[in-house]
Amino acid sequence: MNKHELEGKWNQAKGKVKEKWGKLTEDDLKVIDGKSDQLVGRLQERYGYSKEQAERECEHFCGSL
């Protein structure tokens, strides 16, 4: 699944996002709403990741769906 497909399949994917990154709240998931740039930002905020690390995590996650 690429970043664009994440938007289209967000309702299916958000449960897996919550499993992988348990620090993300329901409010975070609403803000992210399938947008990979929002996911990257929230990962930086909640986990203290650098932008590059958050982007890698996001890409790896999208590739695993």
N, C-alpha and C. Protein backbone atom coordinates (compact mmCIF):
# COMPACT_ATOMS: atom_id res chain seq x y z
N MET A 1 0.85 -1.17 0.00
CA MET A 1 0.00 0.00 0.00
C MET A 1 0.90 1.23 0.00
N ASN A 2 0.63 2.14 -0.90
CA ASN A 2 1.42 3.38 -0.90
C ASN A 2 0.69 4.46 -0.11
N LYS A 3 1.30 5.62 -0.04
CA LYS A 3 0.75 6.71 0.77
C LYS A 3 -0.63 7.13 0.31
N HIS A 4 -0.87 7.10 -1.00
CA HIS A 4 -2.17 7.51 -1.53
C HIS A 4 -3.25 6.47 -1.20
N GLU A 5 -2.86 5.22 -1.23
CA GLU A 5 -3.82 4.17 -0.90
C GLU A 5 -4.18 4.22 0.59
N LEU A 6 -3.24 4.69 1.42
CA LEU A 6 -3.52 4.82 2.84
C LEU A 6 -4.73 5.71 3.07
N GLU A 7 -4.81 6.80 2.34
CA GLU A 7 -5.97 7.70 2.47
C GLU A 7 -7.26 6.97 2.13
N GLY A 8 -7.26 6.21 1.05
CA GLY A 8 -8.45 5.53 0.60
C GLY A 8 -8.89 4.40 1.52
N LYS A 9 -7.94 3.80 2.21
CA LYS A 9 -8.25 2.65 3.06
C LYS A 9 -8.03 2.97 4.53
N TRP A 10 -8.16 4.23 4.89
CA TRP A 10 -7.87 4.67 6.25
C TRP A 10 -8.70 3.96 7.30
N ASN A 11 -9.98 3.77 7.06
CA ASN A 11 -10.83 3.12 8.06
C ASN A 11 -10.34 1.70 8.37
N GLN A 12 -9.83 1.01 7.38
CA GLN A 12 -9.30 -0.33 7.60
C GLN A 12 -7.93 -0.28 8.26
N ALA A 13 -7.13 0.71 7.91
CA ALA A 13 -5.75 0.78 8.38
C ALA A 13 -5.59 1.37 9.77
N LYS A 14 -6.53 2.19 10.22
CA LYS A 14 -6.31 2.89 11.48
C LYS A 14 -6.25 1.95 12.68
N GLY A 15 -6.93 0.82 12.62
CA GLY A 15 -6.79 -0.16 13.70
C GLY A 15 -5.38 -0.69 13.79
N LYS A 16 -4.76 -0.92 12.65
CA LYS A 16 -3.37 -1.40 12.62
C LYS A 16 -2.41 -0.30 13.06
N VAL A 17 -2.73 0.95 12.73
CA VAL A 17 -1.92 2.08 13.18
C VAL A 17 -1.94 2.13 14.71
N LYS A 18 -3.12 1.98 15.27
CA LYS A 18 -3.28 2.02 16.73
C LYS A 18 -2.53 0.87 17.40
N GLU A 19 -2.54 -0.31 16.78
CA GLU A 19 -1.79 -1.45 17.31
C GLU A 19 -0.29 -1.18 17.30
N LYS A 20 0.20 -0.63 16.21
CA LYS A 20 1.64 -0.40 16.07
C LYS A 20 2.11 0.76 16.93
N TRP A 21 1.35 1.84 16.95
CA TRP A 21 1.75 3.04 17.68
C TRP A 21 0.68 3.36 18.72
N GLY A 22 0.72 2.66 19.83
CA GLY A 22 -0.29 2.78 20.87
C GLY A 22 -0.36 4.13 21.55
N LYS A 23 0.68 4.96 21.40
CA LYS A 23 0.65 6.30 22.00
C LYS A 23 -0.23 7.27 21.23
N LEU A 24 -0.62 6.89 20.02
CA LEU A 24 -1.50 7.75 19.23
C LEU A 24 -2.91 7.65 19.79
N THR A 25 -3.53 8.78 20.01
CA THR A 25 -4.87 8.82 20.58
C THR A 25 -5.93 8.79 19.47
N GLU A 26 -7.17 8.63 19.89
CA GLU A 26 -8.28 8.69 18.92
C GLU A 26 -8.31 10.05 18.24
N ASP A 27 -8.02 11.11 18.98
CA ASP A 27 -7.96 12.45 18.39
C ASP A 27 -6.86 12.52 17.34
N ASP A 28 -5.70 11.90 17.62
CA ASP A 28 -4.61 11.86 16.64
C ASP A 28 -5.09 11.17 15.36
N LEU A 29 -5.78 10.06 15.52
CA LEU A 29 -6.25 9.31 14.36
C LEU A 29 -7.23 10.13 13.54
N LYS A 30 -8.06 10.92 14.20
CA LYS A 30 -9.00 11.79 13.48
C LYS A 30 -8.25 12.86 12.69
N VAL A 31 -7.20 13.43 13.29
CA VAL A 31 -6.41 14.46 12.61
C VAL A 31 -5.64 13.85 11.44
N ILE A 32 -5.06 12.67 11.65
CA ILE A 32 -4.28 12.02 10.60
C ILE A 32 -5.16 11.72 9.39
N ASP A 33 -6.32 11.12 9.63
CA ASP A 33 -7.33 10.87 8.60
C ASP A 33 -6.74 10.33 7.30
N GLY A 34 -5.77 9.43 7.40
CA GLY A 34 -5.19 8.79 6.22
C GLY A 34 -4.10 9.57 5.53
N LYS A 35 -3.74 10.73 6.05
CA LYS A 35 -2.72 11.56 5.42
C LYS A 35 -1.35 11.20 5.99
N SER A 36 -0.46 10.72 5.14
CA SER A 36 0.84 10.24 5.61
C SER A 36 1.66 11.37 6.24
N ASP A 37 1.54 12.60 5.74
CA ASP A 37 2.30 13.70 6.33
C ASP A 37 1.84 13.98 7.76
N GLN A 38 0.54 13.81 8.01
CA GLN A 38 0.01 13.98 9.36
C GLN A 38 0.49 12.86 10.27
N LEU A 39 0.54 11.64 9.74
CA LEU A 39 1.04 10.50 10.51
C LEU A 39 2.50 10.73 10.90
N VAL A 40 3.30 11.20 9.95
CA VAL A 40 4.71 11.49 10.22
C VAL A 40 4.83 12.52 11.34
N GLY A 41 4.05 13.58 11.26
CA GLY A 41 4.09 14.63 12.28
C GLY A 41 3.70 14.12 13.65
N ARG A 42 2.67 13.30 13.71
CA ARG A 42 2.22 12.76 15.00
C ARG A 42 3.24 11.78 15.57
N LEU A 43 3.90 11.01 14.71
CA LEU A 43 4.94 10.11 15.19
C LEU A 43 6.11 10.91 15.78
N GLN A 44 6.44 12.00 15.14
CA GLN A 44 7.50 12.87 15.67
C GLN A 44 7.09 13.40 17.05
N GLU A 45 5.87 13.85 17.15
CA GLU A 45 5.38 14.45 18.39
C GLU A 45 5.28 13.43 19.52
N ARG A 46 4.66 12.29 19.26
CA ARG A 46 4.38 11.31 20.32
C ARG A 46 5.59 10.46 20.69
N TYR A 47 6.45 10.18 19.70
CA TYR A 47 7.56 9.26 19.92
C TYR A 47 8.93 9.93 19.91
N GLY A 48 8.99 11.20 19.58
CA GLY A 48 10.26 11.91 19.55
C GLY A 48 11.15 11.50 18.38
N TYR A 49 10.53 10.96 17.33
CA TYR A 49 11.29 10.56 16.14
C TYR A 49 11.76 11.80 15.39
N SER A 50 12.91 11.66 14.71
CA SER A 50 13.30 12.69 13.75
C SER A 50 12.35 12.58 12.56
N LYS A 51 12.33 13.60 11.72
CA LYS A 51 11.45 13.56 10.55
C LYS A 51 11.81 12.37 9.66
N GLU A 52 13.10 12.14 9.46
CA GLU A 52 13.55 11.04 8.61
C GLU A 52 13.13 9.69 9.18
N GLN A 53 13.27 9.53 10.49
CA GLN A 53 12.88 8.27 11.13
C GLN A 53 11.37 8.06 11.03
N ALA A 54 10.60 9.11 11.26
CA ALA A 54 9.15 9.01 11.17
C ALA A 54 8.73 8.67 9.74
N GLU A 55 9.38 9.25 8.75
CA GLU A 55 9.06 8.95 7.35
C GLU A 55 9.38 7.49 7.03
N ARG A 56 10.53 6.99 7.52
CA ARG A 56 10.89 5.59 7.30
C ARG A 56 9.87 4.66 7.95
N GLU A 57 9.47 4.97 9.18
CA GLU A 57 8.48 4.17 9.88
C GLU A 57 7.16 4.14 9.10
N CYS A 58 6.75 5.30 8.62
CA CYS A 58 5.51 5.41 7.86
C CYS A 58 5.60 4.60 6.56
N GLU A 59 6.70 4.73 5.83
CA GLU A 59 6.87 4.00 4.58
C GLU A 59 6.89 2.50 4.82
N HIS A 60 7.61 2.09 5.87
CA HIS A 60 7.66 0.66 6.20
C HIS A 60 6.27 0.15 6.55
N PHE A 61 5.54 0.91 7.34
CA PHE A 61 4.19 0.53 7.73
C PHE A 61 3.29 0.40 6.50
N CYS A 62 3.32 1.41 5.65
CA CYS A 62 2.47 1.38 4.44
C CYS A 62 2.82 0.20 3.56
N GLY A 63 4.10 -0.13 3.49
CA GLY A 63 4.53 -1.27 2.69
C GLY A 63 4.11 -2.61 3.26
N SER A 64 3.85 -2.64 4.56
CA SER A 64 3.48 -3.90 5.20
C SER A 64 1.98 -4.18 5.19
N LEU A 65 1.19 -3.21 4.76
CA LEU A 65 -0.27 -3.41 4.77
C LEU A 65 -0.74 -4.21 3.58
